Amino acid sequence: MATENKNLSHYNRDEAPNAKGLRFGLVVSEWNEEITENLFQGALETLLDCGAESQHITRWNVPGSFELIYGCKKMITTKNLDAVIAIGSVIRGETSHFDYVCSAASQGIKDLNVTGEVPVIFCVLTDDTLQQAKDRSGGKHGNKGTESAIAAIKMAVLGK
C-alpha cells in the first residue's frame, strides 16, 4: 500500500512555496461527504497556512466524482485561477461502477492538465473500504487534501 509508511499531512512549512497572491479553486464532490469535507478542510487549512488569502480561494460543489471534470473545466473557464484541486472519494462497492467512475475521473482530470493552462490536482481517493478513506482524509495516514494543496501551490508557482 503506497501510504502505508507515509503521512499525507507532513510538509515542511519553511520549504513550501509561498502562496500569497495565488488564486485557487477547489471543486468538491458531495458524494461521500464525510470524506470529501475532511479533504477540503485539509486543503483549505494548508493553503491558508502557506500564505493563500481566503478571498483568493473559490469552492464549488458537484454531485459526485464523475462531475468533478466538468466542475473543474467550468471553474477554469470562468475564474482567473492559478491551480484547481479536484476533491472526491470513490469507495468500492459490489459492482463495477467503482472502476468506471475512477477511470473516468482520473482520465478526465488528466485531459484537463494536458489540454489546459491551469493545473488540476487529483485529490480523489479511490479506496476499497470506508475505513481506508477515513485513514487518508485525516486519519492515521494523514490527509490527502493537505498533500494536494502543497502540490497545487507548487504547480501554481511553476505556472508563473
N, C-alpha and C. Protein backbone atom coordinates (compact mmCIF):
# COMPACT_ATOMS: atom_id res chain seq x y z
N MET A 1 0.84 -1.17 0.00
CA MET A 1 0.00 0.00 0.00
C MET A 1 0.89 1.24 0.00
N ALA A 2 0.66 2.17 -0.91
CA ALA A 2 1.54 3.32 -1.11
C ALA A 2 1.64 4.23 0.11
N THR A 3 0.59 4.35 0.88
CA THR A 3 0.61 5.26 2.02
C THR A 3 0.92 4.57 3.33
N GLU A 4 1.28 3.32 3.27
CA GLU A 4 1.48 2.54 4.50
C GLU A 4 2.47 3.20 5.46
N ASN A 5 3.57 3.70 4.95
CA ASN A 5 4.59 4.31 5.81
C ASN A 5 4.72 5.81 5.57
N LYS A 6 3.66 6.44 5.11
CA LYS A 6 3.71 7.86 4.79
C LYS A 6 2.49 8.56 5.39
N ASN A 7 2.75 9.71 5.98
CA ASN A 7 1.65 10.54 6.47
C ASN A 7 1.44 11.64 5.45
N LEU A 8 0.27 11.68 4.85
CA LEU A 8 -0.03 12.61 3.78
C LEU A 8 -0.07 14.07 4.23
N SER A 9 -0.10 14.30 5.53
CA SER A 9 -0.20 15.66 6.06
C SER A 9 1.15 16.29 6.37
N HIS A 10 2.22 15.54 6.26
CA HIS A 10 3.53 16.08 6.61
C HIS A 10 4.11 16.91 5.48
N TYR A 11 4.42 18.14 5.79
CA TYR A 11 5.15 19.01 4.86
C TYR A 11 5.94 19.99 5.71
N ASN A 12 7.02 20.47 5.14
CA ASN A 12 7.86 21.43 5.84
C ASN A 12 7.42 22.82 5.42
N ARG A 13 6.78 23.55 6.30
CA ARG A 13 6.25 24.88 6.00
C ARG A 13 7.35 25.81 5.50
N ASP A 14 8.57 25.66 6.02
CA ASP A 14 9.67 26.52 5.60
C ASP A 14 10.14 26.22 4.18
N GLU A 15 9.88 25.01 3.70
CA GLU A 15 10.30 24.64 2.35
C GLU A 15 9.17 24.76 1.33
N ALA A 16 7.95 24.94 1.79
CA ALA A 16 6.82 25.08 0.87
C ALA A 16 6.84 26.46 0.23
N PRO A 17 6.49 26.55 -1.05
CA PRO A 17 6.43 27.88 -1.68
C PRO A 17 5.37 28.75 -1.02
N ASN A 18 5.55 30.05 -1.09
CA ASN A 18 4.59 30.99 -0.54
C ASN A 18 3.41 31.11 -1.50
N ALA A 19 2.21 30.96 -0.98
CA ALA A 19 1.00 31.00 -1.81
C ALA A 19 0.35 32.39 -1.83
N LYS A 20 0.98 33.36 -1.21
CA LYS A 20 0.39 34.72 -1.18
C LYS A 20 0.23 35.24 -2.61
N GLY A 21 -0.96 35.74 -2.89
CA GLY A 21 -1.26 36.30 -4.20
C GLY A 21 -1.72 35.28 -5.23
N LEU A 22 -1.60 34.00 -4.92
CA LEU A 22 -2.06 32.97 -5.84
C LEU A 22 -3.56 32.71 -5.63
N ARG A 23 -4.22 32.30 -6.71
CA ARG A 23 -5.67 32.06 -6.68
C ARG A 23 -5.94 30.57 -6.92
N PHE A 24 -6.76 29.99 -6.03
CA PHE A 24 -7.03 28.56 -6.07
C PHE A 24 -8.52 28.28 -6.16
N GLY A 25 -8.86 27.24 -6.89
CA GLY A 25 -10.22 26.73 -6.93
C GLY A 25 -10.25 25.33 -6.36
N LEU A 26 -11.29 25.03 -5.60
CA LEU A 26 -11.48 23.69 -5.05
C LEU A 26 -12.86 23.23 -5.47
N VAL A 27 -12.90 22.14 -6.23
CA VAL A 27 -14.16 21.56 -6.67
C VAL A 27 -14.35 20.29 -5.85
N VAL A 28 -15.44 20.25 -5.09
CA VAL A 28 -15.63 19.22 -4.07
C VAL A 28 -16.86 18.38 -4.38
N SER A 29 -16.65 17.07 -4.44
CA SER A 29 -17.76 16.13 -4.64
C SER A 29 -18.60 16.03 -3.37
N GLU A 30 -19.92 16.03 -3.54
CA GLU A 30 -20.82 15.85 -2.40
C GLU A 30 -21.00 14.38 -2.03
N TRP A 31 -20.61 13.47 -2.93
CA TRP A 31 -20.73 12.04 -2.65
C TRP A 31 -19.65 11.66 -1.65
N ASN A 32 -19.98 10.85 -0.67
CA ASN A 32 -19.08 10.51 0.44
C ASN A 32 -18.63 11.79 1.16
N GLU A 33 -19.62 12.61 1.49
CA GLU A 33 -19.39 13.94 2.03
C GLU A 33 -18.51 13.96 3.28
N GLU A 34 -18.66 12.97 4.14
CA GLU A 34 -17.83 12.93 5.34
C GLU A 34 -16.34 12.93 4.96
N ILE A 35 -16.01 12.21 3.92
CA ILE A 35 -14.62 12.11 3.46
C ILE A 35 -14.21 13.38 2.73
N THR A 36 -15.04 13.83 1.79
CA THR A 36 -14.65 14.99 0.97
C THR A 36 -14.57 16.27 1.79
N GLU A 37 -15.40 16.40 2.82
CA GLU A 37 -15.30 17.58 3.69
C GLU A 37 -13.97 17.58 4.44
N ASN A 38 -13.54 16.40 4.90
CA ASN A 38 -12.24 16.32 5.58
C ASN A 38 -11.11 16.67 4.62
N LEU A 39 -11.20 16.18 3.38
CA LEU A 39 -10.18 16.50 2.38
C LEU A 39 -10.17 18.01 2.10
N PHE A 40 -11.36 18.59 1.95
CA PHE A 40 -11.45 20.03 1.72
C PHE A 40 -10.82 20.81 2.87
N GLN A 41 -11.14 20.43 4.09
CA GLN A 41 -10.59 21.14 5.25
C GLN A 41 -9.06 21.05 5.28
N GLY A 42 -8.53 19.87 4.97
CA GLY A 42 -7.07 19.71 4.92
C GLY A 42 -6.46 20.61 3.87
N ALA A 43 -7.07 20.67 2.70
CA ALA A 43 -6.55 21.52 1.62
C ALA A 43 -6.66 22.99 1.99
N LEU A 44 -7.81 23.40 2.48
CA LEU A 44 -8.02 24.80 2.83
C LEU A 44 -7.04 25.26 3.92
N GLU A 45 -6.93 24.49 4.98
CA GLU A 45 -6.02 24.87 6.07
C GLU A 45 -4.58 24.97 5.59
N THR A 46 -4.17 24.09 4.69
CA THR A 46 -2.80 24.12 4.18
C THR A 46 -2.58 25.32 3.28
N LEU A 47 -3.54 25.61 2.40
CA LEU A 47 -3.40 26.79 1.55
C LEU A 47 -3.26 28.06 2.39
N LEU A 48 -4.10 28.18 3.40
CA LEU A 48 -4.04 29.36 4.28
C LEU A 48 -2.73 29.40 5.06
N ASP A 49 -2.29 28.25 5.56
CA ASP A 49 -1.04 28.16 6.31
C ASP A 49 0.15 28.58 5.46
N CYS A 50 0.06 28.34 4.16
CA CYS A 50 1.16 28.66 3.25
C CYS A 50 1.02 30.05 2.64
N GLY A 51 0.10 30.85 3.14
CA GLY A 51 0.02 32.25 2.72
C GLY A 51 -1.09 32.61 1.77
N ALA A 52 -1.88 31.65 1.30
CA ALA A 52 -3.01 31.99 0.43
C ALA A 52 -4.02 32.81 1.23
N GLU A 53 -4.68 33.71 0.55
CA GLU A 53 -5.67 34.56 1.19
C GLU A 53 -7.06 33.99 0.92
N SER A 54 -7.91 33.99 1.94
CA SER A 54 -9.22 33.36 1.83
C SER A 54 -10.04 33.92 0.67
N GLN A 55 -9.90 35.18 0.36
CA GLN A 55 -10.66 35.78 -0.75
C GLN A 55 -10.15 35.31 -2.11
N HIS A 56 -9.01 34.62 -2.13
CA HIS A 56 -8.47 34.07 -3.38
C HIS A 56 -8.68 32.56 -3.49
N ILE A 57 -9.59 32.05 -2.67
CA ILE A 57 -9.91 30.62 -2.70
C ILE A 57 -11.40 30.48 -3.00
N THR A 58 -11.71 29.78 -4.08
CA THR A 58 -13.10 29.56 -4.50
C THR A 58 -13.45 28.10 -4.35
N ARG A 59 -14.62 27.83 -3.77
CA ARG A 59 -15.11 26.46 -3.63
C ARG A 59 -16.41 26.29 -4.39
N TRP A 60 -16.47 25.23 -5.17
CA TRP A 60 -17.71 24.82 -5.81
C TRP A 60 -17.97 23.37 -5.45
N ASN A 61 -19.22 23.00 -5.24
CA ASN A 61 -19.61 21.63 -5.00
C ASN A 61 -20.21 21.03 -6.28
N VAL A 62 -19.96 19.75 -6.48
CA VAL A 62 -20.59 18.99 -7.57
C VAL A 62 -21.16 17.71 -6.96
N PRO A 63 -22.11 17.06 -7.63
CA PRO A 63 -22.76 15.89 -7.03
C PRO A 63 -21.83 14.73 -6.71
N GLY A 64 -20.92 14.39 -7.62
CA GLY A 64 -20.06 13.22 -7.40
C GLY A 64 -18.71 13.39 -8.06
N SER A 65 -17.88 12.37 -7.95
CA SER A 65 -16.53 12.43 -8.52
C SER A 65 -16.55 12.46 -10.05
N PHE A 66 -17.54 11.83 -10.67
CA PHE A 66 -17.66 11.88 -12.12
C PHE A 66 -17.85 13.32 -12.60
N GLU A 67 -18.56 14.12 -11.82
CA GLU A 67 -18.85 15.50 -12.20
C GLU A 67 -17.71 16.47 -11.90
N LEU A 68 -16.67 16.00 -11.23
CA LEU A 68 -15.51 16.86 -10.95
C LEU A 68 -14.91 17.43 -12.23
N ILE A 69 -14.90 16.65 -13.28
CA ILE A 69 -14.26 17.07 -14.53
C ILE A 69 -14.95 18.32 -15.08
N TYR A 70 -16.26 18.25 -15.21
CA TYR A 70 -16.99 19.42 -15.73
C TYR A 70 -16.84 20.60 -14.77
N GLY A 71 -16.95 20.34 -13.46
CA GLY A 71 -16.82 21.43 -12.50
C GLY A 71 -15.47 22.12 -12.60
N CYS A 72 -14.41 21.34 -12.73
CA CYS A 72 -13.06 21.92 -12.86
C CYS A 72 -12.93 22.70 -14.16
N LYS A 73 -13.42 22.12 -15.25
CA LYS A 73 -13.34 22.80 -16.55
C LYS A 73 -14.09 24.12 -16.51
N LYS A 74 -15.30 24.10 -15.96
CA LYS A 74 -16.11 25.31 -15.88
C LYS A 74 -15.45 26.36 -14.98
N MET A 75 -14.87 25.91 -13.87
CA MET A 75 -14.20 26.84 -12.97
C MET A 75 -13.01 27.50 -13.66
N ILE A 76 -12.26 26.71 -14.40
CA ILE A 76 -11.08 27.24 -15.10
C ILE A 76 -11.49 28.28 -16.14
N THR A 77 -12.60 28.02 -16.84
CA THR A 77 -13.01 28.94 -17.91
C THR A 77 -13.74 30.18 -17.41
N THR A 78 -14.20 30.18 -16.15
CA THR A 78 -14.96 31.33 -15.66
C THR A 78 -14.26 32.10 -14.55
N LYS A 79 -13.20 31.54 -13.99
CA LYS A 79 -12.47 32.20 -12.91
C LYS A 79 -11.02 32.37 -13.33
N ASN A 80 -10.36 33.35 -12.78
CA ASN A 80 -8.94 33.58 -13.04
C ASN A 80 -8.16 32.89 -11.93
N LEU A 81 -7.71 31.66 -12.19
CA LEU A 81 -7.09 30.84 -11.16
C LEU A 81 -5.67 30.42 -11.55
N ASP A 82 -4.90 30.09 -10.53
CA ASP A 82 -3.54 29.58 -10.74
C ASP A 82 -3.48 28.07 -10.62
N ALA A 83 -4.42 27.46 -9.92
CA ALA A 83 -4.50 26.00 -9.79
C ALA A 83 -5.88 25.62 -9.27
N VAL A 84 -6.29 24.40 -9.61
CA VAL A 84 -7.57 23.86 -9.15
C VAL A 84 -7.30 22.51 -8.50
N ILE A 85 -8.01 22.23 -7.42
CA ILE A 85 -7.92 20.93 -6.76
C ILE A 85 -9.27 20.24 -6.91
N ALA A 86 -9.27 19.04 -7.50
CA ALA A 86 -10.47 18.23 -7.65
C ALA A 86 -10.53 17.26 -6.47
N ILE A 87 -11.55 17.42 -5.62
CA ILE A 87 -11.65 16.65 -4.38
C ILE A 87 -12.83 15.68 -4.45
N GLY A 88 -12.53 14.39 -4.33
CA GLY A 88 -13.58 13.39 -4.38
C GLY A 88 -13.20 12.14 -3.62
N SER A 89 -14.16 11.23 -3.50
CA SER A 89 -13.95 9.96 -2.82
C SER A 89 -14.85 8.92 -3.46
N VAL A 90 -14.22 7.86 -3.96
CA VAL A 90 -14.96 6.76 -4.54
C VAL A 90 -14.58 5.51 -3.74
N ILE A 91 -15.58 4.84 -3.20
CA ILE A 91 -15.34 3.66 -2.37
C ILE A 91 -15.94 2.45 -3.09
N ARG A 92 -15.13 1.40 -3.23
CA ARG A 92 -15.53 0.20 -3.98
C ARG A 92 -16.82 -0.38 -3.39
N GLY A 93 -17.71 -0.73 -4.28
CA GLY A 93 -18.95 -1.39 -3.88
C GLY A 93 -18.99 -2.79 -4.46
N GLU A 94 -20.18 -3.28 -4.69
CA GLU A 94 -20.36 -4.65 -5.17
C GLU A 94 -20.41 -4.76 -6.68
N THR A 95 -20.40 -3.62 -7.39
CA THR A 95 -20.48 -3.65 -8.85
C THR A 95 -19.24 -2.99 -9.46
N SER A 96 -19.16 -3.01 -10.77
CA SER A 96 -18.01 -2.41 -11.46
C SER A 96 -18.14 -0.90 -11.61
N HIS A 97 -19.18 -0.31 -11.07
CA HIS A 97 -19.36 1.14 -11.12
C HIS A 97 -18.13 1.88 -10.62
N PHE A 98 -17.53 1.38 -9.55
CA PHE A 98 -16.30 1.94 -8.98
C PHE A 98 -15.23 2.11 -10.05
N ASP A 99 -15.00 1.07 -10.84
CA ASP A 99 -13.95 1.10 -11.87
C ASP A 99 -14.23 2.16 -12.92
N TYR A 100 -15.47 2.28 -13.34
CA TYR A 100 -15.82 3.26 -14.37
C TYR A 100 -15.67 4.69 -13.85
N VAL A 101 -16.13 4.95 -12.66
CA VAL A 101 -16.03 6.30 -12.10
C VAL A 101 -14.58 6.67 -11.86
N CYS A 102 -13.80 5.78 -11.29
CA CYS A 102 -12.38 6.06 -11.03
C CYS A 102 -11.63 6.33 -12.32
N SER A 103 -11.86 5.49 -13.32
CA SER A 103 -11.19 5.65 -14.60
C SER A 103 -11.58 6.97 -15.27
N ALA A 104 -12.87 7.26 -15.30
CA ALA A 104 -13.34 8.49 -15.94
C ALA A 104 -12.80 9.72 -15.22
N ALA A 105 -12.83 9.71 -13.90
CA ALA A 105 -12.35 10.88 -13.14
C ALA A 105 -10.86 11.10 -13.38
N SER A 106 -10.08 10.04 -13.30
CA SER A 106 -8.63 10.21 -13.48
C SER A 106 -8.29 10.61 -14.91
N GLN A 107 -8.94 9.99 -15.88
CA GLN A 107 -8.67 10.34 -17.28
C GLN A 107 -9.14 11.77 -17.60
N GLY A 108 -10.29 12.14 -17.08
CA GLY A 108 -10.80 13.48 -17.33
C GLY A 108 -9.92 14.56 -16.74
N ILE A 109 -9.45 14.33 -15.54
CA ILE A 109 -8.57 15.32 -14.90
C ILE A 109 -7.22 15.35 -15.62
N LYS A 110 -6.74 14.18 -16.05
CA LYS A 110 -5.52 14.15 -16.87
C LYS A 110 -5.71 14.97 -18.14
N ASP A 111 -6.85 14.81 -18.80
CA ASP A 111 -7.12 15.55 -20.03
C ASP A 111 -7.12 17.05 -19.79
N LEU A 112 -7.68 17.49 -18.68
CA LEU A 112 -7.66 18.92 -18.36
C LEU A 112 -6.23 19.43 -18.21
N ASN A 113 -5.37 18.61 -17.64
CA ASN A 113 -3.97 19.01 -17.47
C ASN A 113 -3.23 19.04 -18.81
N VAL A 114 -3.52 18.10 -19.68
CA VAL A 114 -2.83 18.03 -20.95
C VAL A 114 -3.26 19.17 -21.88
N THR A 115 -4.55 19.51 -21.87
CA THR A 115 -5.07 20.49 -22.82
C THR A 115 -5.18 21.90 -22.27
N GLY A 116 -5.03 22.08 -20.98
CA GLY A 116 -5.26 23.39 -20.39
C GLY A 116 -4.00 24.08 -19.92
N GLU A 117 -4.19 25.28 -19.45
CA GLU A 117 -3.10 26.10 -18.93
C GLU A 117 -3.08 26.16 -17.40
N VAL A 118 -4.16 25.72 -16.78
CA VAL A 118 -4.27 25.77 -15.32
C VAL A 118 -4.12 24.34 -14.79
N PRO A 119 -3.17 24.10 -13.88
CA PRO A 119 -3.01 22.74 -13.35
C PRO A 119 -4.21 22.33 -12.51
N VAL A 120 -4.61 21.06 -12.68
CA VAL A 120 -5.70 20.48 -11.90
C VAL A 120 -5.10 19.34 -11.09
N ILE A 121 -5.21 19.44 -9.78
CA ILE A 121 -4.62 18.46 -8.88
C ILE A 121 -5.65 17.39 -8.55
N PHE A 122 -5.22 16.13 -8.64
CA PHE A 122 -6.08 14.97 -8.42
C PHE A 122 -6.10 14.63 -6.93
N CYS A 123 -7.17 15.03 -6.26
CA CYS A 123 -7.36 14.71 -4.85
C CYS A 123 -8.61 13.85 -4.72
N VAL A 124 -8.60 12.73 -5.42
CA VAL A 124 -9.73 11.81 -5.42
C VAL A 124 -9.26 10.51 -4.79
N LEU A 125 -9.81 10.20 -3.64
CA LEU A 125 -9.48 8.93 -3.00
C LEU A 125 -10.24 7.82 -3.71
N THR A 126 -9.56 6.72 -3.98
CA THR A 126 -10.17 5.57 -4.63
C THR A 126 -9.86 4.36 -3.75
N ASP A 127 -10.69 4.18 -2.75
CA ASP A 127 -10.41 3.19 -1.70
C ASP A 127 -11.35 1.99 -1.79
N ASP A 128 -10.88 0.89 -1.23
CA ASP A 128 -11.69 -0.33 -1.18
C ASP A 128 -12.72 -0.29 -0.06
N THR A 129 -12.42 0.46 1.02
CA THR A 129 -13.32 0.49 2.18
C THR A 129 -13.46 1.91 2.71
N LEU A 130 -14.52 2.13 3.44
CA LEU A 130 -14.73 3.41 4.10
C LEU A 130 -13.59 3.70 5.08
N GLN A 131 -13.12 2.68 5.78
CA GLN A 131 -12.03 2.88 6.73
C GLN A 131 -10.76 3.38 6.03
N GLN A 132 -10.45 2.84 4.87
CA GLN A 132 -9.29 3.32 4.13
C GLN A 132 -9.46 4.79 3.77
N ALA A 133 -10.66 5.19 3.37
CA ALA A 133 -10.91 6.59 3.04
C ALA A 133 -10.75 7.47 4.27
N LYS A 134 -11.25 7.02 5.41
CA LYS A 134 -11.10 7.79 6.65
C LYS A 134 -9.62 7.93 7.02
N ASP A 135 -8.86 6.86 6.83
CA ASP A 135 -7.43 6.88 7.16
C ASP A 135 -6.66 7.89 6.32
N ARG A 136 -7.15 8.21 5.12
CA ARG A 136 -6.46 9.11 4.20
C ARG A 136 -7.09 10.50 4.14
N SER A 137 -8.11 10.72 4.95
CA SER A 137 -8.78 12.03 4.97
C SER A 137 -8.77 12.60 6.38
N GLY A 138 -7.65 12.45 7.03
CA GLY A 138 -7.49 12.97 8.39
C GLY A 138 -7.24 11.91 9.42
N GLY A 139 -7.15 10.65 9.02
CA GLY A 139 -6.92 9.54 9.94
C GLY A 139 -5.44 9.21 10.06
N LYS A 140 -5.17 7.93 10.24
CA LYS A 140 -3.80 7.50 10.57
C LYS A 140 -2.78 7.75 9.46
N HIS A 141 -3.24 7.94 8.24
CA HIS A 141 -2.30 8.26 7.15
C HIS A 141 -2.27 9.75 6.83
N GLY A 142 -2.92 10.55 7.63
CA GLY A 142 -2.93 12.00 7.39
C GLY A 142 -4.07 12.39 6.48
N ASN A 143 -3.85 13.43 5.70
CA ASN A 143 -4.93 13.99 4.89
C ASN A 143 -4.43 14.27 3.48
N LYS A 144 -4.99 13.57 2.52
CA LYS A 144 -4.63 13.77 1.11
C LYS A 144 -4.94 15.19 0.66
N GLY A 145 -5.88 15.85 1.31
CA GLY A 145 -6.18 17.25 0.99
C GLY A 145 -4.97 18.15 1.26
N THR A 146 -4.27 17.88 2.34
CA THR A 146 -3.06 18.63 2.67
C THR A 146 -2.01 18.43 1.58
N GLU A 147 -1.77 17.18 1.24
CA GLU A 147 -0.78 16.86 0.20
C GLU A 147 -1.17 17.52 -1.13
N SER A 148 -2.44 17.51 -1.46
CA SER A 148 -2.90 18.10 -2.72
C SER A 148 -2.74 19.61 -2.73
N ALA A 149 -2.93 20.25 -1.59
CA ALA A 149 -2.74 21.70 -1.51
C ALA A 149 -1.28 22.07 -1.76
N ILE A 150 -0.37 21.31 -1.20
CA ILE A 150 1.06 21.57 -1.45
C ILE A 150 1.37 21.39 -2.93
N ALA A 151 0.82 20.34 -3.54
CA ALA A 151 1.02 20.12 -4.97
C ALA A 151 0.44 21.28 -5.78
N ALA A 152 -0.73 21.78 -5.39
CA ALA A 152 -1.36 22.91 -6.09
C ALA A 152 -0.48 24.16 -6.00
N ILE A 153 0.06 24.43 -4.83
CA ILE A 153 0.93 25.60 -4.68
C ILE A 153 2.15 25.46 -5.56
N LYS A 154 2.79 24.29 -5.52
CA LYS A 154 3.99 24.08 -6.33
C LYS A 154 3.69 24.21 -7.83
N MET A 155 2.57 23.69 -8.27
CA MET A 155 2.22 23.79 -9.68
C MET A 155 1.83 25.20 -10.07
N ALA A 156 1.16 25.92 -9.17
CA ALA A 156 0.81 27.32 -9.45
C ALA A 156 2.07 28.15 -9.59
N VAL A 157 3.04 27.93 -8.72
CA VAL A 157 4.31 28.66 -8.81
C VAL A 157 5.04 28.29 -10.11
N LEU A 158 5.02 27.02 -10.47
CA LEU A 158 5.64 26.58 -11.70
C LEU A 158 5.01 27.28 -12.91
N GLY A 159 3.70 27.46 -12.87
CA GLY A 159 2.98 28.11 -13.96
C GLY A 159 3.24 29.59 -14.09
N LYS A 160 3.77 30.19 -13.06
CA LYS A 160 4.08 31.62 -13.10
C LYS A 160 5.35 31.80 -13.87
